C-alpha cells in the first residue's frame, strides 16, 4: 500500500534531517505536508536550539486503522530506543534510554501523490 510506504519514507526523511537538526532539509516535504510537516520542523527547531542531533533510526510498524481511496489513517508504536539525541560534543543529551510511543498519522492523496498530512506523537511509554 502506497500510503504505508509514504509514512515509512517520512520517518526516513525525518531521521536524515535530525542527524544535523536541519529544519531547512529539502527532504522534509518529500513525504509530509500540512500539520505533519510543521510538527517535524518544530521538533528540528527545538533540537537546533537545544544544540542536539539524533543518531540512529526509529523503528516503525504502522497499522491501517481505516482507508479510502484518498485517505489512510494509521496507528503505530514507534520504537526510538536506537534513535537518541546527542549533544554536539558526542555525549548523550540525557540518561533517558528511549522507548516506545504511539504515533497517529493521516496520509492523504493529493496533486503531489501521497503525503503524511497529520501526525501526532504521544509521550514515551504510550504503547
PDB file of N, CA and C in Angstrom:
ATOM      1  N   UNK A   1       0.853  -1.180   0.000  1.00  0.00           N
ATOM      2  CA  UNK A   1       0.000   0.000   0.000  1.00  0.00           C
ATOM      3  C   UNK A   1       0.900   1.245   0.000  1.00  0.00           C
ATOM      4  N   UNK A   2       0.640   2.126  -0.935  1.00  0.00           N
ATOM      5  CA  UNK A   2       1.476   3.302  -1.120  1.00  0.00           C
ATOM      6  C   UNK A   2       1.475   4.233   0.094  1.00  0.00           C
ATOM      7  N   UNK A   3       0.358   4.323   0.789  1.00  0.00           N
ATOM      8  CA  UNK A   3       0.285   5.195   1.970  1.00  0.00           C
ATOM      9  C   UNK A   3       1.239   4.715   3.064  1.00  0.00           C
ATOM     10  N   UNK A   4       1.356   3.410   3.239  1.00  0.00           N
ATOM     11  CA  UNK A   4       2.288   2.874   4.238  1.00  0.00           C
ATOM     12  C   UNK A   4       3.732   3.177   3.849  1.00  0.00           C
ATOM     13  N   UNK A   5       4.045   3.035   2.573  1.00  0.00           N
ATOM     14  CA  UNK A   5       5.395   3.343   2.091  1.00  0.00           C
ATOM     15  C   UNK A   5       5.703   4.825   2.296  1.00  0.00           C
ATOM     16  N   UNK A   6       4.726   5.681   2.091  1.00  0.00           N
ATOM     17  CA  UNK A   6       4.905   7.117   2.285  1.00  0.00           C
ATOM     18  C   UNK A   6       5.185   7.428   3.746  1.00  0.00           C
ATOM     19  N   UNK A   7       4.444   6.805   4.653  1.00  0.00           N
ATOM     20  CA  UNK A   7       4.641   7.001   6.088  1.00  0.00           C
ATOM     21  C   UNK A   7       6.066   6.578   6.484  1.00  0.00           C
ATOM     22  N   UNK A   8       6.486   5.417   6.033  1.00  0.00           N
ATOM     23  CA  UNK A   8       7.844   4.944   6.357  1.00  0.00           C
ATOM     24  C   UNK A   8       8.902   5.902   5.784  1.00  0.00           C
ATOM     25  N   UNK A   9       8.670   6.387   4.580  1.00  0.00           N
ATOM     26  CA  UNK A   9       9.610   7.322   3.944  1.00  0.00           C
ATOM     27  C   UNK A   9       9.675   8.639   4.719  1.00  0.00           C
ATOM     28  N   UNK A  10       8.541   9.086   5.262  1.00  0.00           N
ATOM     29  CA  UNK A  10       8.526  10.307   6.064  1.00  0.00           C
ATOM     30  C   UNK A  10       9.457  10.158   7.263  1.00  0.00           C
ATOM     31  N   UNK A  11       9.420   9.001   7.912  1.00  0.00           N
ATOM     32  CA  UNK A  11      10.303   8.765   9.056  1.00  0.00           C
ATOM     33  C   UNK A  11      11.763   8.734   8.622  1.00  0.00           C
ATOM     34  N   UNK A  12      12.060   8.165   7.453  1.00  0.00           N
ATOM     35  CA  UNK A  12      13.440   8.181   6.947  1.00  0.00           C
ATOM     36  C   UNK A  12      13.897   9.618   6.685  1.00  0.00           C
ATOM     37  N   UNK A  13      13.005  10.433   6.118  1.00  0.00           N
ATOM     38  CA  UNK A  13      13.324  11.840   5.864  1.00  0.00           C
ATOM     39  C   UNK A  13      13.612  12.571   7.174  1.00  0.00           C
ATOM     40  N   UNK A  14      12.776  12.345   8.182  1.00  0.00           N
ATOM     41  CA  UNK A  14      12.967  12.992   9.479  1.00  0.00           C
ATOM     42  C   UNK A  14      14.268  12.520  10.127  1.00  0.00           C
ATOM     43  N   UNK A  15      14.566  11.242  10.006  1.00  0.00           N
ATOM     44  CA  UNK A  15      15.805  10.698  10.561  1.00  0.00           C
ATOM     45  C   UNK A  15      17.013  11.368   9.917  1.00  0.00           C
ATOM     46  N   UNK A  16      16.964  11.529   8.604  1.00  0.00           N
ATOM     47  CA  UNK A  16      18.067  12.188   7.886  1.00  0.00           C
ATOM     48  C   UNK A  16      18.241  13.627   8.358  1.00  0.00           C
ATOM     49  N   UNK A  17      17.135  14.366   8.445  1.00  0.00           N
ATOM     50  CA  UNK A  17      17.208  15.771   8.854  1.00  0.00           C
ATOM     51  C   UNK A  17      17.641  15.910  10.316  1.00  0.00           C
ATOM     52  N   UNK A  18      17.237  14.972  11.160  1.00  0.00           N
ATOM     53  CA  UNK A  18      17.557  15.083  12.586  1.00  0.00           C
ATOM     54  C   UNK A  18      19.020  14.751  12.882  1.00  0.00           C
ATOM     55  N   UNK A  19      19.713  14.139  11.946  1.00  0.00           N
ATOM     56  CA  UNK A  19      21.137  13.852  12.141  1.00  0.00           C
ATOM     57  C   UNK A  19      21.945  15.143  12.227  1.00  0.00           C
ATOM     58  N   UNK A  20      21.392  16.233  11.669  1.00  0.00           N
ATOM     59  CA  UNK A  20      22.045  17.546  11.751  1.00  0.00           C
ATOM     60  C   UNK A  20      21.107  18.615  12.305  1.00  0.00           C
ATOM     61  N   UNK A  21      19.908  18.210  12.731  1.00  0.00           N
ATOM     62  CA  UNK A  21      18.869  19.139  13.203  1.00  0.00           C
ATOM     63  C   UNK A  21      18.615  20.228  12.167  1.00  0.00           C
ATOM     64  N   UNK A  22      18.480  19.807  10.906  1.00  0.00           N
ATOM     65  CA  UNK A  22      18.345  20.734   9.780  1.00  0.00           C
ATOM     66  C   UNK A  22      16.877  20.984   9.437  1.00  0.00           C
ATOM     67  N   UNK A  23      16.325  22.073   9.969  1.00  0.00           N
ATOM     68  CA  UNK A  23      14.928  22.409   9.705  1.00  0.00           C
ATOM     69  C   UNK A  23      14.705  22.782   8.246  1.00  0.00           C
ATOM     70  N   UNK A  24      15.776  23.146   7.535  1.00  0.00           N
ATOM     71  CA  UNK A  24      15.665  23.526   6.127  1.00  0.00           C
ATOM     72  C   UNK A  24      15.964  22.361   5.181  1.00  0.00           C
ATOM     73  N   UNK A  25      16.043  21.149   5.711  1.00  0.00           N
ATOM     74  CA  UNK A  25      16.355  19.991   4.876  1.00  0.00           C
ATOM     75  C   UNK A  25      15.368  19.880   3.717  1.00  0.00           C
ATOM     76  N   UNK A  26      15.873  19.735   2.499  1.00  0.00           N
ATOM     77  CA  UNK A  26      14.990  19.663   1.339  1.00  0.00           C
ATOM     78  C   UNK A  26      14.176  18.371   1.266  1.00  0.00           C
ATOM     79  N   UNK A  27      14.504  17.360   2.077  1.00  0.00           N
ATOM     80  CA  UNK A  27      13.756  16.100   2.019  1.00  0.00           C
ATOM     81  C   UNK A  27      12.493  16.122   2.883  1.00  0.00           C
ATOM     82  N   UNK A  28      12.379  17.098   3.797  1.00  0.00           N
ATOM     83  CA  UNK A  28      11.259  17.082   4.746  1.00  0.00           C
ATOM     84  C   UNK A  28       9.893  17.085   4.079  1.00  0.00           C
ATOM     85  N   UNK A  29       9.736  17.818   2.994  1.00  0.00           N
ATOM     86  CA  UNK A  29       8.414  17.884   2.359  1.00  0.00           C
ATOM     87  C   UNK A  29       8.235  16.855   1.244  1.00  0.00           C
ATOM     88  N   UNK A  30       9.193  15.931   1.110  1.00  0.00           N
ATOM     89  CA  UNK A  30       9.046  14.880   0.095  1.00  0.00           C
ATOM     90  C   UNK A  30       7.859  13.968   0.399  1.00  0.00           C
ATOM     91  N   UNK A  31       7.629  13.694   1.679  1.00  0.00           N
ATOM     92  CA  UNK A  31       6.576  12.757   2.074  1.00  0.00           C
ATOM     93  C   UNK A  31       5.666  13.304   3.167  1.00  0.00           C
ATOM     94  N   UNK A  32       5.811  14.579   3.510  1.00  0.00           N
ATOM     95  CA  UNK A  32       4.997  15.189   4.566  1.00  0.00           C
ATOM     96  C   UNK A  32       4.494  16.553   4.113  1.00  0.00           C
ATOM     97  N   UNK A  33       3.342  16.938   4.649  1.00  0.00           N
ATOM     98  CA  UNK A  33       2.737  18.228   4.343  1.00  0.00           C
ATOM     99  C   UNK A  33       1.928  18.679   5.558  1.00  0.00           C
ATOM    100  N   UNK A  34       1.438  19.881   5.485  1.00  0.00           N
ATOM    101  CA  UNK A  34       0.490  20.403   6.471  1.00  0.00           C
ATOM    102  C   UNK A  34       0.998  20.237   7.906  1.00  0.00           C
ATOM    103  N   UNK A  35       0.145  19.755   8.787  1.00  0.00           N
ATOM    104  CA  UNK A  35       0.478  19.645  10.201  1.00  0.00           C
ATOM    105  C   UNK A  35       1.637  18.709  10.479  1.00  0.00           C
ATOM    106  N   UNK A  36       1.754  17.628   9.715  1.00  0.00           N
ATOM    107  CA  UNK A  36       2.864  16.692   9.925  1.00  0.00           C
ATOM    108  C   UNK A  36       4.195  17.369   9.637  1.00  0.00           C
ATOM    109  N   UNK A  37       4.262  18.116   8.564  1.00  0.00           N
ATOM    110  CA  UNK A  37       5.485  18.831   8.212  1.00  0.00           C
ATOM    111  C   UNK A  37       5.820  19.869   9.278  1.00  0.00           C
ATOM    112  N   UNK A  38       4.821  20.593   9.738  1.00  0.00           N
ATOM    113  CA  UNK A  38       5.050  21.612  10.770  1.00  0.00           C
ATOM    114  C   UNK A  38       5.526  20.990  12.072  1.00  0.00           C
ATOM    115  N   UNK A  39       4.991  19.831  12.444  1.00  0.00           N
ATOM    116  CA  UNK A  39       5.427  19.150  13.665  1.00  0.00           C
ATOM    117  C   UNK A  39       6.895  18.737  13.552  1.00  0.00           C
ATOM    118  N   UNK A  40       7.277  18.200  12.415  1.00  0.00           N
ATOM    119  CA  UNK A  40       8.673  17.804  12.227  1.00  0.00           C
ATOM    120  C   UNK A  40       9.595  19.016  12.300  1.00  0.00           C
ATOM    121  N   UNK A  41       9.209  20.119  11.664  1.00  0.00           N
ATOM    122  CA  UNK A  41      10.025  21.330  11.703  1.00  0.00           C
ATOM    123  C   UNK A  41      10.119  21.889  13.113  1.00  0.00           C
ATOM    124  N   UNK A  42       9.021  21.822  13.865  1.00  0.00           N
ATOM    125  CA  UNK A  42       9.027  22.284  15.251  1.00  0.00           C
ATOM    126  C   UNK A  42      10.064  21.495  16.056  1.00  0.00           C
ATOM    127  N   UNK A  43      10.048  20.170  15.922  1.00  0.00           N
ATOM    128  CA  UNK A  43      10.993  19.329  16.645  1.00  0.00           C
ATOM    129  C   UNK A  43      12.433  19.608  16.251  1.00  0.00           C
ATOM    130  N   UNK A  44      12.662  19.847  14.966  1.00  0.00           N
ATOM    131  CA  UNK A  44      14.013  20.150  14.500  1.00  0.00           C
ATOM    132  C   UNK A  44      14.484  21.518  14.988  1.00  0.00           C
ATOM    133  N   UNK A  45      13.571  22.510  15.021  1.00  0.00           N
ATOM    134  CA  UNK A  45      13.938  23.828  15.550  1.00  0.00           C
ATOM    135  C   UNK A  45      14.313  23.719  17.033  1.00  0.00           C
ATOM    136  N   UNK A  46      13.541  22.927  17.778  1.00  0.00           N
ATOM    137  CA  UNK A  46      13.824  22.726  19.203  1.00  0.00           C
ATOM    138  C   UNK A  46      15.172  22.040  19.378  1.00  0.00           C
ATOM    139  N   UNK A  47      15.455  21.021  18.580  1.00  0.00           N
ATOM    140  CA  UNK A  47      16.737  20.317  18.671  1.00  0.00           C
ATOM    141  C   UNK A  47      17.897  21.268  18.343  1.00  0.00           C
ATOM    142  N   UNK A  48      17.710  22.097  17.325  1.00  0.00           N
ATOM    143  CA  UNK A  48      18.754  23.056  16.958  1.00  0.00           C
ATOM    144  C   UNK A  48      19.000  24.037  18.100  1.00  0.00           C
ATOM    145  N   UNK A  49      17.920  24.531  18.699  1.00  0.00           N
ATOM    146  CA  UNK A  49      18.022  25.464  19.831  1.00  0.00           C
ATOM    147  C   UNK A  49      18.723  24.811  21.019  1.00  0.00           C
ATOM    148  N   UNK A  50      18.399  23.523  21.253  1.00  0.00           N
ATOM    149  CA  UNK A  50      18.999  22.775  22.365  1.00  0.00           C
ATOM    150  C   UNK A  50      20.398  22.256  22.033  1.00  0.00           C
ATOM    151  N   UNK A  51      20.834  22.494  20.792  1.00  0.00           N
ATOM    152  CA  UNK A  51      22.154  22.047  20.316  1.00  0.00           C
ATOM    153  C   UNK A  51      22.321  20.536  20.452  1.00  0.00           C
ATOM    154  N   UNK A  52      21.345  19.810  19.906  1.00  0.00           N
ATOM    155  CA  UNK A  52      21.417  18.349  19.883  1.00  0.00           C
ATOM    156  C   UNK A  52      21.105  17.843  18.478  1.00  0.00           C
ATOM    157  N   UNK A  53      21.621  16.662  18.197  1.00  0.00           N
ATOM    158  CA  UNK A  53      21.331  15.953  16.954  1.00  0.00           C
ATOM    159  C   UNK A  53      20.905  14.538  17.328  1.00  0.00           C
ATOM    160  N   UNK A  54      20.274  13.855  16.414  1.00  0.00           N
ATOM    161  CA  UNK A  54      19.851  12.479  16.678  1.00  0.00           C
ATOM    162  C   UNK A  54      20.708  11.516  15.884  1.00  0.00           C
ATOM    163  N   UNK A  55      21.027  10.408  16.522  1.00  0.00           N
ATOM    164  CA  UNK A  55      21.803   9.361  15.867  1.00  0.00           C
ATOM    165  C   UNK A  55      20.988   8.078  15.898  1.00  0.00           C
ATOM    166  N   UNK A  56      21.206   7.251  14.897  1.00  0.00           N
ATOM    167  CA  UNK A  56      20.453   6.009  14.790  1.00  0.00           C
ATOM    168  C   UNK A  56      19.186   6.241  13.993  1.00  0.00           C
ATOM    169  N   UNK A  57      18.211   5.370  14.204  1.00  0.00           N
ATOM    170  CA  UNK A  57      16.949   5.478  13.469  1.00  0.00           C
ATOM    171  C   UNK A  57      15.826   4.843  14.276  1.00  0.00           C
ATOM    172  N   UNK A  58      14.621   5.403  14.140  1.00  0.00           N
ATOM    173  CA  UNK A  58      13.477   4.781  14.805  1.00  0.00           C
ATOM    174  C   UNK A  58      13.022   3.547  14.033  1.00  0.00           C
ATOM    175  N   UNK A  59      12.331   2.675  14.720  1.00  0.00           N
ATOM    176  CA  UNK A  59      11.706   1.518  14.061  1.00  0.00           C
ATOM    177  C   UNK A  59      10.211   1.757  14.062  1.00  0.00           C
ATOM    178  N   UNK A  60       9.609   1.617  12.894  1.00  0.00           N
ATOM    179  CA  UNK A  60       8.169   1.843  12.764  1.00  0.00           C
ATOM    180  C   UNK A  60       7.499   0.572  12.262  1.00  0.00           C
ATOM    181  N   UNK A  61       6.245   0.418  12.649  1.00  0.00           N
ATOM    182  CA  UNK A  61       5.450  -0.728  12.217  1.00  0.00           C
ATOM    183  C   UNK A  61       3.984  -0.292  12.177  1.00  0.00           C
ATOM    184  N   UNK A  62       3.622   0.555  11.209  1.00  0.00           N
ATOM    185  CA  UNK A  62       2.275   1.125  11.183  1.00  0.00           C
ATOM    186  C   UNK A  62       1.198   0.106  10.836  1.00  0.00           C
ATOM    187  N   UNK A  63       0.021   0.352  11.393  1.00  0.00           N
ATOM    188  CA  UNK A  63      -1.168  -0.464  11.104  1.00  0.00           C
ATOM    189  C   UNK A  63      -2.248   0.456  10.536  1.00  0.00           C
ATOM    190  N   UNK A  64      -2.964  -0.032   9.537  1.00  0.00           N
ATOM    191  CA  UNK A  64      -4.048   0.746   8.939  1.00  0.00           C
ATOM    192  C   UNK A  64      -5.266   0.662   9.860  1.00  0.00           C
ATOM    193  N   UNK A  65      -5.788   1.817  10.239  1.00  0.00           N
ATOM    194  CA  UNK A  65      -7.000   1.890  11.059  1.00  0.00           C
ATOM    195  C   UNK A  65      -8.230   1.976  10.159  1.00  0.00           C
ATOM    196  N   UNK A  66      -8.131   2.837   9.148  1.00  0.00           N
ATOM    197  CA  UNK A  66      -9.188   2.904   8.127  1.00  0.00           C
ATOM    198  C   UNK A  66      -8.602   3.518   6.865  1.00  0.00           C
ATOM    199  N   UNK A  67      -9.234   3.195   5.745  1.00  0.00           N
ATOM    200  CA  UNK A  67      -8.684   3.657   4.471  1.00  0.00           C
ATOM    201  C   UNK A  67      -9.790   3.896   3.460  1.00  0.00           C
ATOM    202  N   UNK A  68      -9.588   4.956   2.677  1.00  0.00           N
ATOM    203  CA  UNK A  68     -10.397   5.211   1.493  1.00  0.00           C
ATOM    204  C   UNK A  68      -9.417   5.376   0.339  1.00  0.00           C
ATOM    205  N   UNK A  69      -9.912   5.687  -0.820  1.00  0.00           N
ATOM    206  CA  UNK A  69      -9.019   5.874  -1.966  1.00  0.00           C
ATOM    207  C   UNK A  69      -8.180   7.150  -1.847  1.00  0.00           C
ATOM    208  N   UNK A  70      -8.590   8.073  -0.968  1.00  0.00           N
ATOM    209  CA  UNK A  70      -7.894   9.356  -0.845  1.00  0.00           C
ATOM    210  C   UNK A  70      -7.230   9.586   0.509  1.00  0.00           C
ATOM    211  N   UNK A  71      -7.531   8.724   1.503  1.00  0.00           N
ATOM    212  CA  UNK A  71      -7.024   8.972   2.844  1.00  0.00           C
ATOM    213  C   UNK A  71      -6.849   7.653   3.596  1.00  0.00           C
ATOM    214  N   UNK A  72      -5.710   7.541   4.287  1.00  0.00           N
ATOM    215  CA  UNK A  72      -5.435   6.357   5.097  1.00  0.00           C
ATOM    216  C   UNK A  72      -5.031   6.821   6.487  1.00  0.00           C
ATOM    217  N   UNK A  73      -5.719   6.290   7.498  1.00  0.00           N
ATOM    218  CA  UNK A  73      -5.403   6.608   8.889  1.00  0.00           C
ATOM    219  C   UNK A  73      -4.588   5.457   9.459  1.00  0.00           C
ATOM    220  N   UNK A  74      -3.439   5.813  10.057  1.00  0.00           N
ATOM    221  CA  UNK A  74      -2.509   4.819  10.584  1.00  0.00           C
ATOM    222  C   UNK A  74      -2.302   5.000  12.083  1.00  0.00           C
ATOM    223  N   UNK A  75      -1.964   3.911  12.730  1.00  0.00           N
ATOM    224  CA  UNK A  75      -1.524   3.944  14.126  1.00  0.00           C
ATOM    225  C   UNK A  75      -0.245   3.140  14.206  1.00  0.00           C
ATOM    226  N   UNK A  76       0.690   3.638  14.981  1.00  0.00           N
ATOM    227  CA  UNK A  76       1.990   2.999  15.078  1.00  0.00           C
ATOM    228  C   UNK A  76       2.449   3.016  16.531  1.00  0.00           C
ATOM    229  N   UNK A  77       3.365   2.133  16.844  1.00  0.00           N
ATOM    230  CA  UNK A  77       4.082   2.144  18.116  1.00  0.00           C
ATOM    231  C   UNK A  77       5.553   2.269  17.740  1.00  0.00           C
ATOM    232  N   UNK A  78       6.025   3.501  17.712  1.00  0.00           N
ATOM    233  CA  UNK A  78       7.383   3.797  17.252  1.00  0.00           C
ATOM    234  C   UNK A  78       8.383   3.428  18.348  1.00  0.00           C
ATOM    235  N   UNK A  79       9.419   2.723  17.947  1.00  0.00           N
ATOM    236  CA  UNK A  79      10.498   2.323  18.850  1.00  0.00           C
ATOM    237  C   UNK A  79      11.675   3.267  18.597  1.00  0.00           C
ATOM    238  N   UNK A  80      11.944   4.144  19.564  1.00  0.00           N
ATOM    239  CA  UNK A  80      13.060   5.082  19.375  1.00  0.00           C
ATOM    240  C   UNK A  80      14.237   4.768  20.299  1.00  0.00           C
ATOM    241  N   UNK A  81      14.336   3.517  20.748  1.00  0.00           N
ATOM    242  CA  UNK A  81      15.444   3.138  21.635  1.00  0.00           C
ATOM    243  C   UNK A  81      16.799   3.220  20.937  1.00  0.00           C
ATOM    244  N   UNK A  82      16.802   3.196  19.607  1.00  0.00           N
ATOM    245  CA  UNK A  82      18.054   3.279  18.843  1.00  0.00           C
ATOM    246  C   UNK A  82      18.094   4.555  18.004  1.00  0.00           C
ATOM    247  N   UNK A  83      17.380   5.578  18.492  1.00  0.00           N
ATOM    248  CA  UNK A  83      17.328   6.889  17.827  1.00  0.00           C
ATOM    249  C   UNK A  83      17.348   7.939  18.929  1.00  0.00           C
ATOM    250  N   UNK A  84      18.553   8.238  19.409  1.00  0.00           N
ATOM    251  CA  UNK A  84      18.700   9.071  20.596  1.00  0.00           C
ATOM    252  C   UNK A  84      19.330  10.411  20.255  1.00  0.00           C
ATOM    253  N   UNK A  85      19.093  11.372  21.145  1.00  0.00           N
ATOM    254  CA  UNK A  85      19.661  12.699  20.956  1.00  0.00           C
ATOM    255  C   UNK A  85      21.018  12.806  21.639  1.00  0.00           C
ATOM    256  N   UNK A  86      21.937  13.469  20.921  1.00  0.00           N
ATOM    257  CA  UNK A  86      23.294  13.664  21.408  1.00  0.00           C
ATOM    258  C   UNK A  86      23.642  15.143  21.371  1.00  0.00           C
ATOM    259  N   UNK A  87      24.434  15.576  22.341  1.00  0.00           N
ATOM    260  CA  UNK A  87      24.994  16.926  22.315  1.00  0.00           C
ATOM    261  C   UNK A  87      25.999  16.988  21.169  1.00  0.00           C
ATOM    262  N   UNK A  88      26.346  18.192  20.769  1.00  0.00           N
ATOM    263  CA  UNK A  88      27.270  18.360  19.645  1.00  0.00           C
ATOM    264  C   UNK A  88      28.669  17.810  19.950  1.00  0.00           C
ATOM    265  N   UNK A  89      29.000  17.646  21.235  1.00  0.00           N
ATOM    266  CA  UNK A  89      30.297  17.079  21.605  1.00  0.00           C
ATOM    267  C   UNK A  89      30.290  15.551  21.586  1.00  0.00           C
ATOM    268  N   UNK A  90      29.147  14.947  21.219  1.00  0.00           N
ATOM    269  CA  UNK A  90      29.061  13.496  21.100  1.00  0.00           C
ATOM    270  C   UNK A  90      28.494  12.782  22.312  1.00  0.00           C
ATOM    271  N   UNK A  91      28.275  13.507  23.413  1.00  0.00           N
ATOM    272  CA  UNK A  91      27.694  12.905  24.613  1.00  0.00           C
ATOM    273  C   UNK A  91      26.184  12.784  24.453  1.00  0.00           C
ATOM    274  N   UNK A  92      25.613  11.755  25.072  1.00  0.00           N
ATOM    275  CA  UNK A  92      24.157  11.644  25.093  1.00  0.00           C
ATOM    276  C   UNK A  92      23.563  12.878  25.746  1.00  0.00           C
ATOM    277  N   UNK A  93      22.421  13.327  25.248  1.00  0.00           N
ATOM    278  CA  UNK A  93      21.753  14.501  25.803  1.00  0.00           C
ATOM    279  C   UNK A  93      21.392  14.268  27.264  1.00  0.00           C
ATOM    280  N   UNK A  94      20.890  13.067  27.555  1.00  0.00           N
ATOM    281  CA  UNK A  94      20.486  12.737  28.915  1.00  0.00           C
ATOM    282  C   UNK A  94      20.599  11.229  29.108  1.00  0.00           C
ATOM    283  N   UNK A  95      20.204  10.762  30.239  1.00  0.00           N
ATOM    284  CA  UNK A  95      20.318   9.331  30.551  1.00  0.00           C
ATOM    285  C   UNK A  95      19.036   8.569  30.209  1.00  0.00           C
ATOM    286  N   UNK A  96      18.085   9.219  29.529  1.00  0.00           N
ATOM    287  CA  UNK A  96      16.829   8.569  29.151  1.00  0.00           C
ATOM    288  C   UNK A  96      17.107   7.624  27.985  1.00  0.00           C
ATOM    289  N   UNK A  97      16.788   6.328  28.126  1.00  0.00           N
ATOM    290  CA  UNK A  97      17.187   5.354  27.116  1.00  0.00           C
ATOM    291  C   UNK A  97      16.295   5.282  25.872  1.00  0.00           C
ATOM    292  N   UNK A  98      15.285   6.114  25.772  1.00  0.00           N
ATOM    293  CA  UNK A  98      14.341   5.981  24.661  1.00  0.00           C
ATOM    294  C   UNK A  98      13.298   4.943  25.027  1.00  0.00           C
ATOM    295  N   UNK A  99      12.376   4.693  24.136  1.00  0.00           N
ATOM    296  CA  UNK A  99      11.317   3.741  24.426  1.00  0.00           C
ATOM    297  C   UNK A  99      10.373   3.605  23.254  1.00  0.00           C
ATOM    298  N   UNK A 100       9.116   3.403  23.577  1.00  0.00           N
ATOM    299  CA  UNK A 100       8.079   3.251  22.559  1.00  0.00           C
ATOM    300  C   UNK A 100       7.033   4.344  22.764  1.00  0.00           C
ATOM    301  N   UNK A 101       6.562   4.902  21.669  1.00  0.00           N
ATOM    302  CA  UNK A 101       5.483   5.881  21.768  1.00  0.00           C
ATOM    303  C   UNK A 101       4.496   5.681  20.624  1.00  0.00           C
ATOM    304  N   UNK A 102       3.250   5.980  20.934  1.00  0.00           N
ATOM    305  CA  UNK A 102       2.190   5.869  19.934  1.00  0.00           C
ATOM    306  C   UNK A 102       2.268   7.046  18.975  1.00  0.00           C
ATOM    307  N   UNK A 103       2.086   6.746  17.699  1.00  0.00           N
ATOM    308  CA  UNK A 103       2.005   7.784  16.671  1.00  0.00           C
ATOM    309  C   UNK A 103       0.739   7.545  15.863  1.00  0.00           C
ATOM    310  N   UNK A 104      -0.045   8.586  15.687  1.00  0.00           N
ATOM    311  CA  UNK A 104      -1.242   8.551  14.848  1.00  0.00           C
ATOM    312  C   UNK A 104      -0.975   9.430  13.638  1.00  0.00           C
ATOM    313  N   UNK A 105      -1.275   8.903  12.460  1.00  0.00           N
ATOM    314  CA  UNK A 105      -0.987   9.644  11.234  1.00  0.00           C
ATOM    315  C   UNK A 105      -2.132   9.504  10.239  1.00  0.00           C
ATOM    316  N   UNK A 106      -2.318  10.555   9.463  1.00  0.00           N
ATOM    317  CA  UNK A 106      -3.249  10.521   8.344  1.00  0.00           C
ATOM    318  C   UNK A 106      -2.453  10.816   7.083  1.00  0.00           C
ATOM    319  N   UNK A 107      -2.538   9.893   6.138  1.00  0.00           N
ATOM    320  CA  UNK A 107      -1.835  10.034   4.863  1.00  0.00           C
ATOM    321  C   UNK A 107      -2.902  10.319   3.808  1.00  0.00           C
ATOM    322  N   UNK A 108      -2.707  11.418   3.069  1.00  0.00           N
ATOM    323  CA  UNK A 108      -3.707  11.824   2.077  1.00  0.00           C
ATOM    324  C   UNK A 108      -3.106  11.823   0.677  1.00  0.00           C
ATOM    325  N   UNK A 109      -3.975  11.520  -0.275  1.00  0.00           N
ATOM    326  CA  UNK A 109      -3.567  11.569  -1.682  1.00  0.00           C
ATOM    327  C   UNK A 109      -4.014  12.899  -2.259  1.00  0.00           C
ATOM    328  N   UNK A 110      -3.069  13.613  -2.848  1.00  0.00           N
ATOM    329  CA  UNK A 110      -3.375  14.903  -3.464  1.00  0.00           C
ATOM    330  C   UNK A 110      -2.644  15.039  -4.776  1.00  0.00           C
ATOM    331  N   UNK A 111      -2.493  16.275  -5.224  1.00  0.00           N
ATOM    332  CA  UNK A 111      -1.847  16.548  -6.512  1.00  0.00           C
ATOM    333  C   UNK A 111      -0.427  15.999  -6.583  1.00  0.00           C
ATOM    334  N   UNK A 112       0.296  16.053  -5.463  1.00  0.00           N
ATOM    335  CA  UNK A 112       1.676  15.579  -5.446  1.00  0.00           C
ATOM    336  C   UNK A 112       1.815  14.114  -5.056  1.00  0.00           C
ATOM    337  N   UNK A 113       0.721  13.385  -5.058  1.00  0.00           N
ATOM    338  CA  UNK A 113       0.751  11.987  -4.635  1.00  0.00           C
ATOM    339  C   UNK A 113       0.399  11.867  -3.164  1.00  0.00           C
ATOM    340  N   UNK A 114       0.831  10.785  -2.543  1.00  0.00           N
ATOM    341  CA  UNK A 114       0.548  10.536  -1.130  1.00  0.00           C
ATOM    342  C   UNK A 114       1.525  11.305  -0.253  1.00  0.00           C
ATOM    343  N   UNK A 115       0.990  11.942   0.811  1.00  0.00           N
ATOM    344  CA  UNK A 115       1.826  12.630   1.795  1.00  0.00           C
ATOM    345  C   UNK A 115       1.189  12.473   3.163  1.00  0.00           C
ATOM    346  N   UNK A 116       2.039  12.386   4.192  1.00  0.00           N
ATOM    347  CA  UNK A 116       1.539  12.380   5.565  1.00  0.00           C
ATOM    348  C   UNK A 116       1.118  13.811   5.871  1.00  0.00           C
ATOM    349  N   UNK A 117      -0.168  13.999   6.153  1.00  0.00           N
ATOM    350  CA  UNK A 117      -0.702  15.338   6.387  1.00  0.00           C
ATOM    351  C   UNK A 117      -0.846  15.640   7.871  1.00  0.00           C
ATOM    352  N   UNK A 118      -1.229  14.654   8.649  1.00  0.00           N
ATOM    353  CA  UNK A 118      -1.418  14.832  10.088  1.00  0.00           C
ATOM    354  C   UNK A 118      -0.561  13.811  10.813  1.00  0.00           C
ATOM    355  N   UNK A 119       0.078  14.264  11.883  1.00  0.00           N
ATOM    356  CA  UNK A 119       0.921  13.381  12.678  1.00  0.00           C
ATOM    357  C   UNK A 119       0.837  13.823  14.123  1.00  0.00           C
ATOM    358  N   UNK A 120       0.578  12.868  15.003  1.00  0.00           N
ATOM    359  CA  UNK A 120       0.582  13.152  16.435  1.00  0.00           C
ATOM    360  C   UNK A 120       1.456  12.111  17.114  1.00  0.00           C
ATOM    361  N   UNK A 121       2.476  12.579  17.821  1.00  0.00           N
ATOM    362  CA  UNK A 121       3.370  11.683  18.550  1.00  0.00           C
ATOM    363  C   UNK A 121       3.048  11.795  20.030  1.00  0.00           C
ATOM    364  N   UNK A 122       2.607  10.699  20.612  1.00  0.00           N
ATOM    365  CA  UNK A 122       2.269  10.678  22.030  1.00  0.00           C
ATOM    366  C   UNK A 122       3.547  10.540  22.859  1.00  0.00           C
ATOM    367  N   UNK A 123       3.427  10.633  24.168  1.00  0.00           N
ATOM    368  CA  UNK A 123       4.588  10.557  25.048  1.00  0.00           C
ATOM    369  C   UNK A 123       5.190   9.159  25.071  1.00  0.00           C
ATOM    370  N   UNK A 124       6.462   9.092  25.435  1.00  0.00           N
ATOM    371  CA  UNK A 124       7.152   7.813  25.576  1.00  0.00           C
ATOM    372  C   UNK A 124       6.421   6.962  26.594  1.00  0.00           C
ATOM    373  N   UNK A 125       6.233   5.695  26.261  1.00  0.00           N
ATOM    374  CA  UNK A 125       5.530   4.774  27.142  1.00  0.00           C
ATOM    375  C   UNK A 125       4.050   4.649  26.814  1.00  0.00           C
ATOM    376  N   UNK A 126       3.601   5.330  25.765  1.00  0.00           N
ATOM    377  CA  UNK A 126       2.173   5.325  25.424  1.00  0.00           C
ATOM    378  C   UNK A 126       1.746   4.092  24.643  1.00  0.00           C
ATOM    379  N   UNK A 127       2.664   3.186  24.344  1.00  0.00           N
ATOM    380  CA  UNK A 127       2.308   1.911  23.710  1.00  0.00           C
ATOM    381  C   UNK A 127       3.333   0.854  24.068  1.00  0.00           C
TER     382      UNK A 127
END
